[in-house]
Amino acid sequence: MAEEKPKQIQAIDLVKELFEHIHGDLGLLRFSVEKLEPKNGVPNNPDSNKWNIIFSFYKTLSSQQPTKYLAKVILNEKIVSFNEIDKSGKPSEKKKIYKIVEGKDEGRRK
């Protein structure tokens, strides 16, 4: 029986999988987690189901600098919301929210 990954790793993996789905394999060039915080009300709780993740990656091969994002992850509901972070360090107003539903699109084409 496989051992379950720690929740902080599950949160990072969920964000990486979503961004790989959105941007493709090349979209995750030099994916880097800069900050990882549990958000269940208990500081430094590794069993938290809610996480804030600040991460960056190079969107394309020709990108000169990485793009930074703030993601909020709810593991037990498989929800990821994120905003791009501007140069001043503030999240943009435009937030995207995704609910991960596994197996839903298998075999279906539009």
PDB file of N, CA and C in Angstrom:
ATOM      1  N   MET A   1       0.841  -1.183   0.000  1.00  0.00           N
ATOM      2  CA  MET A   1       0.000   0.000   0.000  1.00  0.00           C
ATOM      3  C   MET A   1       0.887   1.248   0.000  1.00  0.00           C
ATOM      4  N   ALA A   2       0.593   2.172  -0.903  1.00  0.00           N
ATOM      5  CA  ALA A   2       1.391   3.391  -1.011  1.00  0.00           C
ATOM      6  C   ALA A   2       1.068   4.337   0.136  1.00  0.00           C
ATOM      7  N   GLU A   3       2.100   4.961   0.648  1.00  0.00           N
ATOM      8  CA  GLU A   3       1.935   5.913   1.732  1.00  0.00           C
ATOM      9  C   GLU A   3       1.453   7.243   1.156  1.00  0.00           C
ATOM     10  N   GLU A   4       0.521   7.901   1.840  1.00  0.00           N
ATOM     11  CA  GLU A   4      -0.007   9.182   1.374  1.00  0.00           C
ATOM     12  C   GLU A   4       1.043  10.277   1.549  1.00  0.00           C
ATOM     13  N   LYS A   5       1.135  11.146   0.549  1.00  0.00           N
ATOM     14  CA  LYS A   5       2.092  12.259   0.600  1.00  0.00           C
ATOM     15  C   LYS A   5       1.661  13.255   1.670  1.00  0.00           C
ATOM     16  N   PRO A   6       2.624  13.981   2.248  1.00  0.00           N
ATOM     17  CA  PRO A   6       2.270  15.055   3.190  1.00  0.00           C
ATOM     18  C   PRO A   6       1.378  16.088   2.495  1.00  0.00           C
ATOM     19  N   LYS A   7       0.525  16.734   3.266  1.00  0.00           N
ATOM     20  CA  LYS A   7      -0.458  17.667   2.696  1.00  0.00           C
ATOM     21  C   LYS A   7       0.190  18.834   1.969  1.00  0.00           C
ATOM     22  N   GLN A   8       1.333  19.340   2.468  1.00  0.00           N
ATOM     23  CA  GLN A   8       1.974  20.458   1.780  1.00  0.00           C
ATOM     24  C   GLN A   8       2.455  20.026   0.392  1.00  0.00           C
ATOM     25  N   ILE A   9       2.908  18.788   0.252  1.00  0.00           N
ATOM     26  CA  ILE A   9       3.342  18.274  -1.051  1.00  0.00           C
ATOM     27  C   ILE A   9       2.126  18.070  -1.948  1.00  0.00           C
ATOM     28  N   GLN A  10       1.019  17.596  -1.386  1.00  0.00           N
ATOM     29  CA  GLN A  10      -0.218  17.444  -2.164  1.00  0.00           C
ATOM     30  C   GLN A  10      -0.674  18.788  -2.716  1.00  0.00           C
ATOM     31  N   ALA A  11      -0.572  19.850  -1.906  1.00  0.00           N
ATOM     32  CA  ALA A  11      -0.983  21.186  -2.344  1.00  0.00           C
ATOM     33  C   ALA A  11      -0.105  21.672  -3.492  1.00  0.00           C
ATOM     34  N   ILE A  12       1.197  21.496  -3.368  1.00  0.00           N
ATOM     35  CA  ILE A  12       2.123  21.912  -4.433  1.00  0.00           C
ATOM     36  C   ILE A  12       1.853  21.101  -5.696  1.00  0.00           C
ATOM     37  N   ASP A  13       1.683  19.796  -5.555  1.00  0.00           N
ATOM     38  CA  ASP A  13       1.418  18.937  -6.716  1.00  0.00           C
ATOM     39  C   ASP A  13       0.138  19.337  -7.437  1.00  0.00           C
ATOM     40  N   LEU A  14      -0.908  19.697  -6.675  1.00  0.00           N
ATOM     41  CA  LEU A  14      -2.175  20.100  -7.273  1.00  0.00           C
ATOM     42  C   LEU A  14      -1.996  21.365  -8.118  1.00  0.00           C
ATOM     43  N   VAL A  15      -1.250  22.329  -7.583  1.00  0.00           N
ATOM     44  CA  VAL A  15      -0.986  23.568  -8.327  1.00  0.00           C
ATOM     45  C   VAL A  15      -0.155  23.278  -9.577  1.00  0.00           C
ATOM     46  N   LYS A  16       0.892  22.469  -9.434  1.00  0.00           N
ATOM     47  CA  LYS A  16       1.742  22.139 -10.581  1.00  0.00           C
ATOM     48  C   LYS A  16       0.955  21.408 -11.668  1.00  0.00           C
ATOM     49  N   GLU A  17       0.116  20.453 -11.281  1.00  0.00           N
ATOM     50  CA  GLU A  17      -0.690  19.712 -12.256  1.00  0.00           C
ATOM     51  C   GLU A  17      -1.651  20.643 -12.994  1.00  0.00           C
ATOM     52  N   LEU A  18      -2.265  21.574 -12.266  1.00  0.00           N
ATOM     53  CA  LEU A  18      -3.178  22.523 -12.896  1.00  0.00           C
ATOM     54  C   LEU A  18      -2.437  23.406 -13.890  1.00  0.00           C
ATOM     55  N   PHE A  19      -1.284  23.940 -13.485  1.00  0.00           N
ATOM     56  CA  PHE A  19      -0.523  24.809 -14.377  1.00  0.00           C
ATOM     57  C   PHE A  19       0.047  24.054 -15.564  1.00  0.00           C
ATOM     58  N   GLU A  20       0.387  22.801 -15.374  1.00  0.00           N
ATOM     59  CA  GLU A  20       0.850  21.991 -16.501  1.00  0.00           C
ATOM     60  C   GLU A  20      -0.302  21.757 -17.472  1.00  0.00           C
ATOM     61  N   HIS A  21      -1.506  21.555 -16.947  1.00  0.00           N
ATOM     62  CA  HIS A  21      -2.685  21.378 -17.800  1.00  0.00           C
ATOM     63  C   HIS A  21      -2.987  22.665 -18.583  1.00  0.00           C
ATOM     64  N   ILE A  22      -2.868  23.799 -17.930  1.00  0.00           N
ATOM     65  CA  ILE A  22      -3.170  25.089 -18.568  1.00  0.00           C
ATOM     66  C   ILE A  22      -2.092  25.486 -19.580  1.00  0.00           C
ATOM     67  N   HIS A  23      -0.819  25.380 -19.190  1.00  0.00           N
ATOM     68  CA  HIS A  23       0.284  25.905 -19.999  1.00  0.00           C
ATOM     69  C   HIS A  23       1.065  24.845 -20.761  1.00  0.00           C
ATOM     70  N   GLY A  24       0.805  23.570 -20.521  1.00  0.00           N
ATOM     71  CA  GLY A  24       1.564  22.516 -21.171  1.00  0.00           C
ATOM     72  C   GLY A  24       2.871  22.248 -20.452  1.00  0.00           C
ATOM     73  N   ASP A  25       3.597  21.252 -20.946  1.00  0.00           N
ATOM     74  CA  ASP A  25       4.851  20.842 -20.301  1.00  0.00           C
ATOM     75  C   ASP A  25       5.861  21.974 -20.204  1.00  0.00           C
ATOM     76  N   LEU A  26       5.960  22.781 -21.252  1.00  0.00           N
ATOM     77  CA  LEU A  26       6.951  23.860 -21.251  1.00  0.00           C
ATOM     78  C   LEU A  26       6.564  24.991 -20.312  1.00  0.00           C
ATOM     79  N   GLY A  27       5.300  25.068 -19.934  1.00  0.00           N
ATOM     80  CA  GLY A  27       4.843  26.120 -19.040  1.00  0.00           C
ATOM     81  C   GLY A  27       5.391  26.014 -17.641  1.00  0.00           C
ATOM     82  N   LEU A  28       5.926  24.863 -17.289  1.00  0.00           N
ATOM     83  CA  LEU A  28       6.433  24.695 -15.927  1.00  0.00           C
ATOM     84  C   LEU A  28       7.942  24.769 -15.847  1.00  0.00           C
ATOM     85  N   LEU A  29       8.540  25.451 -16.812  1.00  0.00           N
ATOM     86  CA  LEU A  29       9.987  25.610 -16.777  1.00  0.00           C
ATOM     87  C   LEU A  29      10.398  26.340 -15.501  1.00  0.00           C
ATOM     88  N   ARG A  30      11.258  25.719 -14.781  1.00  0.00           N
ATOM     89  CA  ARG A  30      11.810  26.305 -13.552  1.00  0.00           C
ATOM     90  C   ARG A  30      10.718  26.733 -12.575  1.00  0.00           C
ATOM     91  N   PHE A  31       9.723  25.879 -12.387  1.00  0.00           N
ATOM     92  CA  PHE A  31       8.664  26.097 -11.406  1.00  0.00           C
ATOM     93  C   PHE A  31       9.320  26.179 -10.036  1.00  0.00           C
ATOM     94  N   SER A  32       9.035  27.231  -9.297  1.00  0.00           N
ATOM     95  CA  SER A  32       9.709  27.452  -8.019  1.00  0.00           C
ATOM     96  C   SER A  32       8.702  27.910  -6.961  1.00  0.00           C
ATOM     97  N   VAL A  33       8.657  27.195  -5.854  1.00  0.00           N
ATOM     98  CA  VAL A  33       7.800  27.588  -4.731  1.00  0.00           C
ATOM     99  C   VAL A  33       8.598  28.535  -3.851  1.00  0.00           C
ATOM    100  N   GLU A  34       8.060  29.734  -3.635  1.00  0.00           N
ATOM    101  CA  GLU A  34       8.746  30.733  -2.826  1.00  0.00           C
ATOM    102  C   GLU A  34       8.235  30.788  -1.391  1.00  0.00           C
ATOM    103  N   LYS A  35       6.944  30.462  -1.210  1.00  0.00           N
ATOM    104  CA  LYS A  35       6.367  30.509   0.129  1.00  0.00           C
ATOM    105  C   LYS A  35       5.192  29.538   0.187  1.00  0.00           C
ATOM    106  N   LEU A  36       5.086  28.838   1.304  1.00  0.00           N
ATOM    107  CA  LEU A  36       4.029  27.849   1.504  1.00  0.00           C
ATOM    108  C   LEU A  36       3.514  28.002   2.926  1.00  0.00           C
ATOM    109  N   GLU A  37       2.220  28.360   3.067  1.00  0.00           N
ATOM    110  CA  GLU A  37       1.654  28.602   4.397  1.00  0.00           C
ATOM    111  C   GLU A  37       0.352  27.834   4.583  1.00  0.00           C
ATOM    112  N   PRO A  38       0.204  27.122   5.696  1.00  0.00           N
ATOM    113  CA  PRO A  38      -1.086  26.503   5.997  1.00  0.00           C
ATOM    114  C   PRO A  38      -2.078  27.592   6.410  1.00  0.00           C
ATOM    115  N   LYS A  39      -3.356  27.416   6.061  1.00  0.00           N
ATOM    116  CA  LYS A  39      -4.352  28.446   6.369  1.00  0.00           C
ATOM    117  C   LYS A  39      -5.565  27.903   7.109  1.00  0.00           C
ATOM    118  N   ASN A  40      -5.416  26.878   7.929  1.00  0.00           N
ATOM    119  CA  ASN A  40      -6.533  26.349   8.716  1.00  0.00           C
ATOM    120  C   ASN A  40      -6.611  26.997  10.090  1.00  0.00           C
ATOM    121  N   GLY A  41      -5.963  28.119  10.277  1.00  0.00           N
ATOM    122  CA  GLY A  41      -6.028  28.821  11.549  1.00  0.00           C
ATOM    123  C   GLY A  41      -4.944  28.429  12.539  1.00  0.00           C
ATOM    124  N   VAL A  42      -4.213  27.360  12.270  1.00  0.00           N
ATOM    125  CA  VAL A  42      -3.133  26.927  13.161  1.00  0.00           C
ATOM    126  C   VAL A  42      -1.809  27.147  12.433  1.00  0.00           C
ATOM    127  N   PRO A  43      -0.942  28.030  12.932  1.00  0.00           N
ATOM    128  CA  PRO A  43       0.327  28.276  12.257  1.00  0.00           C
ATOM    129  C   PRO A  43       1.175  27.012  12.132  1.00  0.00           C
ATOM    130  N   ASN A  44       1.824  26.863  11.008  1.00  0.00           N
ATOM    131  CA  ASN A  44       2.741  25.754  10.732  1.00  0.00           C
ATOM    132  C   ASN A  44       2.103  24.376  10.908  1.00  0.00           C
ATOM    133  N   ASN A  45       0.831  24.246  10.551  1.00  0.00           N
ATOM    134  CA  ASN A  45       0.118  22.985  10.668  1.00  0.00           C
ATOM    135  C   ASN A  45       0.320  22.159   9.395  1.00  0.00           C
ATOM    136  N   PRO A  46       1.153  21.112   9.427  1.00  0.00           N
ATOM    137  CA  PRO A  46       1.399  20.329   8.218  1.00  0.00           C
ATOM    138  C   PRO A  46       0.198  19.487   7.787  1.00  0.00           C
ATOM    139  N   ASP A  47      -0.832  19.358   8.650  1.00  0.00           N
ATOM    140  CA  ASP A  47      -2.024  18.590   8.299  1.00  0.00           C
ATOM    141  C   ASP A  47      -3.157  19.478   7.789  1.00  0.00           C
ATOM    142  N   SER A  48      -2.865  20.723   7.505  1.00  0.00           N
ATOM    143  CA  SER A  48      -3.865  21.660   7.021  1.00  0.00           C
ATOM    144  C   SER A  48      -4.415  21.237   5.655  1.00  0.00           C
ATOM    145  N   ASN A  49      -5.689  21.495   5.430  1.00  0.00           N
ATOM    146  CA  ASN A  49      -6.302  21.253   4.127  1.00  0.00           C
ATOM    147  C   ASN A  49      -6.349  22.518   3.275  1.00  0.00           C
ATOM    148  N   LYS A  50      -5.982  23.659   3.868  1.00  0.00           N
ATOM    149  CA  LYS A  50      -5.973  24.931   3.140  1.00  0.00           C
ATOM    150  C   LYS A  50      -4.553  25.496   3.154  1.00  0.00           C
ATOM    151  N   TRP A  51      -4.080  25.908   1.962  1.00  0.00           N
ATOM    152  CA  TRP A  51      -2.703  26.396   1.832  1.00  0.00           C
ATOM    153  C   TRP A  51      -2.655  27.628   0.935  1.00  0.00           C
ATOM    154  N   ASN A  52      -1.786  28.562   1.271  1.00  0.00           N
ATOM    155  CA  ASN A  52      -1.423  29.667   0.383  1.00  0.00           C
ATOM    156  C   ASN A  52      -0.032  29.359  -0.150  1.00  0.00           C
ATOM    157  N   ILE A  53       0.117  29.461  -1.450  1.00  0.00           N
ATOM    158  CA  ILE A  53       1.394  29.164  -2.087  1.00  0.00           C
ATOM    159  C   ILE A  53       1.776  30.325  -2.989  1.00  0.00           C
ATOM    160  N   ILE A  54       2.953  30.887  -2.782  1.00  0.00           N
ATOM    161  CA  ILE A  54       3.499  31.861  -3.724  1.00  0.00           C
ATOM    162  C   ILE A  54       4.538  31.107  -4.542  1.00  0.00           C
ATOM    163  N   PHE A  55       4.369  31.141  -5.851  1.00  0.00           N
ATOM    164  CA  PHE A  55       5.269  30.406  -6.724  1.00  0.00           C
ATOM    165  C   PHE A  55       5.511  31.206  -7.993  1.00  0.00           C
ATOM    166  N   SER A  56       6.518  30.790  -8.734  1.00  0.00           N
ATOM    167  CA  SER A  56       6.821  31.445  -9.998  1.00  0.00           C
ATOM    168  C   SER A  56       7.271  30.398 -11.005  1.00  0.00           C
ATOM    169  N   PHE A  57       7.154  30.760 -12.278  1.00  0.00           N
ATOM    170  CA  PHE A  57       7.669  29.919 -13.352  1.00  0.00           C
ATOM    171  C   PHE A  57       7.798  30.758 -14.604  1.00  0.00           C
ATOM    172  N   TYR A  58       8.552  30.263 -15.558  1.00  0.00           N
ATOM    173  CA  TYR A  58       8.734  30.933 -16.837  1.00  0.00           C
ATOM    174  C   TYR A  58       7.640  30.431 -17.778  1.00  0.00           C
ATOM    175  N   LYS A  59       6.798  31.338 -18.274  1.00  0.00           N
ATOM    176  CA  LYS A  59       5.665  30.947 -19.101  1.00  0.00           C
ATOM    177  C   LYS A  59       6.078  30.331 -20.441  1.00  0.00           C
ATOM    178  N   THR A  60       7.157  30.830 -21.005  1.00  0.00           N
ATOM    179  CA  THR A  60       7.607  30.323 -22.307  1.00  0.00           C
ATOM    180  C   THR A  60       9.123  30.197 -22.311  1.00  0.00           C
ATOM    181  N   LEU A  61       9.644  29.572 -23.347  1.00  0.00           N
ATOM    182  CA  LEU A  61      11.090  29.447 -23.491  1.00  0.00           C
ATOM    183  C   LEU A  61      11.767  30.803 -23.641  1.00  0.00           C
ATOM    184  N   SER A  62      11.046  31.777 -24.192  1.00  0.00           N
ATOM    185  CA  SER A  62      11.644  33.096 -24.426  1.00  0.00           C
ATOM    186  C   SER A  62      11.408  34.089 -23.277  1.00  0.00           C
ATOM    187  N   SER A  63      10.749  33.660 -22.216  1.00  0.00           N
ATOM    188  CA  SER A  63      10.504  34.559 -21.081  1.00  0.00           C
ATOM    189  C   SER A  63      11.820  34.988 -20.450  1.00  0.00           C
ATOM    190  N   GLN A  64      11.940  36.285 -20.201  1.00  0.00           N
ATOM    191  CA  GLN A  64      13.142  36.833 -19.585  1.00  0.00           C
ATOM    192  C   GLN A  64      13.113  36.720 -18.068  1.00  0.00           C
ATOM    193  N   GLN A  65      11.900  36.773 -17.489  1.00  0.00           N
ATOM    194  CA  GLN A  65      11.745  36.690 -16.042  1.00  0.00           C
ATOM    195  C   GLN A  65      10.569  35.777 -15.725  1.00  0.00           C
ATOM    196  N   PRO A  66      10.611  35.167 -14.552  1.00  0.00           N
ATOM    197  CA  PRO A  66       9.472  34.320 -14.181  1.00  0.00           C
ATOM    198  C   PRO A  66       8.253  35.171 -13.828  1.00  0.00           C
ATOM    199  N   THR A  67       7.080  34.581 -13.964  1.00  0.00           N
ATOM    200  CA  THR A  67       5.837  35.212 -13.553  1.00  0.00           C
ATOM    201  C   THR A  67       5.487  34.657 -12.183  1.00  0.00           C
ATOM    202  N   LYS A  68       5.118  35.552 -11.249  1.00  0.00           N
ATOM    203  CA  LYS A  68       4.777  35.134  -9.887  1.00  0.00           C
ATOM    204  C   LYS A  68       3.265  35.043  -9.732  1.00  0.00           C
ATOM    205  N   TYR A  69       2.849  34.082  -8.895  1.00  0.00           N
ATOM    206  CA  TYR A  69       1.435  33.867  -8.613  1.00  0.00           C
ATOM    207  C   TYR A  69       1.230  33.606  -7.129  1.00  0.00           C
ATOM    208  N   LEU A  70       0.021  33.930  -6.656  1.00  0.00           N
ATOM    209  CA  LEU A  70      -0.438  33.537  -5.333  1.00  0.00           C
ATOM    210  C   LEU A  70      -1.576  32.563  -5.552  1.00  0.00           C
ATOM    211  N   ALA A  71      -1.416  31.336  -5.074  1.00  0.00           N
ATOM    212  CA  ALA A  71      -2.464  30.321  -5.190  1.00  0.00           C
ATOM    213  C   ALA A  71      -3.016  30.014  -3.811  1.00  0.00           C
ATOM    214  N   LYS A  72      -4.316  29.803  -3.759  1.00  0.00           N
ATOM    215  CA  LYS A  72      -4.982  29.350  -2.543  1.00  0.00           C
ATOM    216  C   LYS A  72      -5.561  27.981  -2.866  1.00  0.00           C
ATOM    217  N   VAL A  73      -5.183  26.987  -2.065  1.00  0.00           N
ATOM    218  CA  VAL A  73      -5.557  25.609  -2.333  1.00  0.00           C
ATOM    219  C   VAL A  73      -6.419  25.087  -1.183  1.00  0.00           C
ATOM    220  N   ILE A  74      -7.532  24.434  -1.536  1.00  0.00           N
ATOM    221  CA  ILE A  74      -8.356  23.718  -0.561  1.00  0.00           C
ATOM    222  C   ILE A  74      -8.285  22.252  -0.972  1.00  0.00           C
ATOM    223  N   LEU A  75      -7.456  21.495  -0.274  1.00  0.00           N
ATOM    224  CA  LEU A  75      -7.165  20.115  -0.671  1.00  0.00           C
ATOM    225  C   LEU A  75      -8.380  19.191  -0.653  1.00  0.00           C
ATOM    226  N   ASN A  76      -9.162  19.210   0.427  1.00  0.00           N
ATOM    227  CA  ASN A  76     -10.262  18.256   0.535  1.00  0.00           C
ATOM    228  C   ASN A  76     -11.360  18.504  -0.498  1.00  0.00           C
ATOM    229  N   GLU A  77     -11.425  19.703  -1.093  1.00  0.00           N
ATOM    230  CA  GLU A  77     -12.391  20.002  -2.146  1.00  0.00           C
ATOM    231  C   GLU A  77     -11.731  20.077  -3.526  1.00  0.00           C
ATOM    232  N   LYS A  78     -10.398  19.968  -3.551  1.00  0.00           N
ATOM    233  CA  LYS A  78      -9.603  20.064  -4.781  1.00  0.00           C
ATOM    234  C   LYS A  78      -9.920  21.355  -5.549  1.00  0.00           C
ATOM    235  N   ILE A  79      -9.874  22.468  -4.821  1.00  0.00           N
ATOM    236  CA  ILE A  79     -10.096  23.791  -5.403  1.00  0.00           C
ATOM    237  C   ILE A  79      -8.789  24.560  -5.367  1.00  0.00           C
ATOM    238  N   VAL A  80      -8.444  25.174  -6.508  1.00  0.00           N
ATOM    239  CA  VAL A  80      -7.263  26.020  -6.611  1.00  0.00           C
ATOM    240  C   VAL A  80      -7.712  27.359  -7.187  1.00  0.00           C
ATOM    241  N   SER A  81      -7.437  28.438  -6.477  1.00  0.00           N
ATOM    242  CA  SER A  81      -7.665  29.777  -7.023  1.00  0.00           C
ATOM    243  C   SER A  81      -6.313  30.474  -7.056  1.00  0.00           C
ATOM    244  N   PHE A  82      -6.131  31.333  -8.063  1.00  0.00           N
ATOM    245  CA  PHE A  82      -4.845  32.013  -8.144  1.00  0.00           C
ATOM    246  C   PHE A  82      -4.971  33.366  -8.812  1.00  0.00           C
ATOM    247  N   ASN A  83      -4.024  34.232  -8.457  1.00  0.00           N
ATOM    248  CA  ASN A  83      -3.865  35.563  -9.034  1.00  0.00           C
ATOM    249  C   ASN A  83      -2.411  35.728  -9.421  1.00  0.00           C
ATOM    250  N   GLU A  84      -2.186  36.444 -10.510  1.00  0.00           N
ATOM    251  CA  GLU A  84      -0.819  36.831 -10.838  1.00  0.00           C
ATOM    252  C   GLU A  84      -0.421  37.937  -9.857  1.00  0.00           C
ATOM    253  N   ILE A  85       0.848  37.960  -9.471  1.00  0.00           N
ATOM    254  CA  ILE A  85       1.352  38.994  -8.565  1.00  0.00           C
ATOM    255  C   ILE A  85       2.135  39.999  -9.396  1.00  0.00           C
ATOM    256  N   ASP A  86       1.811  41.288  -9.230  1.00  0.00           N
ATOM    257  CA  ASP A  86       2.513  42.310 -10.013  1.00  0.00           C
ATOM    258  C   ASP A  86       3.874  42.631  -9.408  1.00  0.00           C
ATOM    259  N   LYS A  87       4.601  43.526 -10.045  1.00  0.00           N
ATOM    260  CA  LYS A  87       5.964  43.854  -9.612  1.00  0.00           C
ATOM    261  C   LYS A  87       6.023  44.456  -8.208  1.00  0.00           C
ATOM    262  N   SER A  88       4.912  45.071  -7.763  1.00  0.00           N
ATOM    263  CA  SER A  88       4.893  45.641  -6.411  1.00  0.00           C
ATOM    264  C   SER A  88       4.613  44.574  -5.346  1.00  0.00           C
ATOM    265  N   GLY A  89       4.307  43.351  -5.779  1.00  0.00           N
ATOM    266  CA  GLY A  89       4.063  42.261  -4.839  1.00  0.00           C
ATOM    267  C   GLY A  89       2.610  42.067  -4.472  1.00  0.00           C
ATOM    268  N   LYS A  90       1.708  42.795  -5.148  1.00  0.00           N
ATOM    269  CA  LYS A  90       0.280  42.683  -4.857  1.00  0.00           C
ATOM    270  C   LYS A  90      -0.403  41.797  -5.896  1.00  0.00           C
ATOM    271  N   PRO A  91      -1.345  40.943  -5.438  1.00  0.00           N
ATOM    272  CA  PRO A  91      -2.092  40.118  -6.401  1.00  0.00           C
ATOM    273  C   PRO A  91      -2.980  40.984  -7.284  1.00  0.00           C
ATOM    274  N   SER A  92      -3.118  40.593  -8.543  1.00  0.00           N
ATOM    275  CA  SER A  92      -3.995  41.323  -9.459  1.00  0.00           C
ATOM    276  C   SER A  92      -5.449  41.087  -9.053  1.00  0.00           C
ATOM    277  N   GLU A  93      -6.319  41.939  -9.546  1.00  0.00           N
ATOM    278  CA  GLU A  93      -7.742  41.822  -9.237  1.00  0.00           C
ATOM    279  C   GLU A  93      -8.362  40.578  -9.864  1.00  0.00           C
ATOM    280  N   LYS A  94      -7.834  40.157 -10.993  1.00  0.00           N
ATOM    281  CA  LYS A  94      -8.419  39.059 -11.747  1.00  0.00           C
ATOM    282  C   LYS A  94      -8.015  37.717 -11.131  1.00  0.00           C
ATOM    283  N   LYS A  95      -8.960  37.051 -10.477  1.00  0.00           N
ATOM    284  CA  LYS A  95      -8.691  35.768  -9.838  1.00  0.00           C
ATOM    285  C   LYS A  95      -9.343  34.666 -10.672  1.00  0.00           C
ATOM    286  N   LYS A  96      -8.618  33.563 -10.822  1.00  0.00           N
ATOM    287  CA  LYS A  96      -9.159  32.397 -11.516  1.00  0.00           C
ATOM    288  C   LYS A  96      -9.344  31.294 -10.487  1.00  0.00           C
ATOM    289  N   ILE A  97     -10.476  30.606 -10.572  1.00  0.00           N
ATOM    290  CA  ILE A  97     -10.783  29.540  -9.628  1.00  0.00           C
ATOM    291  C   ILE A  97     -11.064  28.259 -10.410  1.00  0.00           C
ATOM    292  N   TYR A  98     -10.424  27.161  -9.986  1.00  0.00           N
ATOM    293  CA  TYR A  98     -10.594  25.860 -10.635  1.00  0.00           C
ATOM    294  C   TYR A  98     -10.948  24.818  -9.595  1.00  0.00           C
ATOM    295  N   LYS A  99     -11.893  23.953  -9.942  1.00  0.00           N
ATOM    296  CA  LYS A  99     -12.192  22.765  -9.136  1.00  0.00           C
ATOM    297  C   LYS A  99     -11.731  21.573  -9.958  1.00  0.00           C
ATOM    298  N   ILE A 100     -10.842  20.785  -9.389  1.00  0.00           N
ATOM    299  CA  ILE A 100     -10.270  19.640 -10.090  1.00  0.00           C
ATOM    300  C   ILE A 100     -11.228  18.460  -9.953  1.00  0.00           C
ATOM    301  N   VAL A 101     -11.697  17.963 -11.098  1.00  0.00           N
ATOM    302  CA  VAL A 101     -12.596  16.812 -11.131  1.00  0.00           C
ATOM    303  C   VAL A 101     -11.909  15.751 -11.966  1.00  0.00           C
ATOM    304  N   GLU A 102     -11.423  14.719 -11.317  1.00  0.00           N
ATOM    305  CA  GLU A 102     -10.663  13.690 -12.015  1.00  0.00           C
ATOM    306  C   GLU A 102     -11.582  12.765 -12.800  1.00  0.00           C
ATOM    307  N   GLY A 103     -11.130  12.415 -14.023  1.00  0.00           N
ATOM    308  CA  GLY A 103     -11.833  11.453 -14.849  1.00  0.00           C
ATOM    309  C   GLY A 103     -13.063  11.980 -15.552  1.00  0.00           C
ATOM    310  N   LYS A 104     -13.439  13.215 -15.327  1.00  0.00           N
ATOM    311  CA  LYS A 104     -14.655  13.776 -15.901  1.00  0.00           C
ATOM    312  C   LYS A 104     -14.574  13.912 -17.417  1.00  0.00           C
ATOM    313  N   ASP A 105     -13.401  14.271 -17.962  1.00  0.00           N
ATOM    314  CA  ASP A 105     -13.269  14.530 -19.396  1.00  0.00           C
ATOM    315  C   ASP A 105     -12.685  13.356 -20.174  1.00  0.00           C
ATOM    316  N   GLU A 106     -12.443  12.252 -19.532  1.00  0.00           N
ATOM    317  CA  GLU A 106     -11.861  11.109 -20.216  1.00  0.00           C
ATOM    318  C   GLU A 106     -12.794  10.601 -21.295  1.00  0.00           C
ATOM    319  N   GLY A 107     -12.280  10.523 -22.505  1.00  0.00           N
ATOM    320  CA  GLY A 107     -13.052   9.967 -23.614  1.00  0.00           C
ATOM    321  C   GLY A 107     -14.066  10.918 -24.224  1.00  0.00           C
ATOM    322  N   ARG A 108     -14.141  12.138 -23.729  1.00  0.00           N
ATOM    323  CA  ARG A 108     -15.095  13.105 -24.290  1.00  0.00           C
ATOM    324  C   ARG A 108     -14.366  14.124 -25.126  1.00  0.00           C
ATOM    325  N   ARG A 109     -14.936  14.449 -26.267  1.00  0.00           N
ATOM    326  CA  ARG A 109     -14.369  15.479 -27.133  1.00  0.00           C
ATOM    327  C   ARG A 109     -15.437  16.478 -27.489  1.00  0.00           C
ATOM    328  N   LYS A 110     -15.014  17.679 -27.723  1.00  0.00           N
ATOM    329  CA  LYS A 110     -15.962  18.737 -28.132  1.00  0.00           C
ATOM    330  C   LYS A 110     -15.748  19.058 -29.576  1.00  0.00           C
TER     331      LYS A 110
END
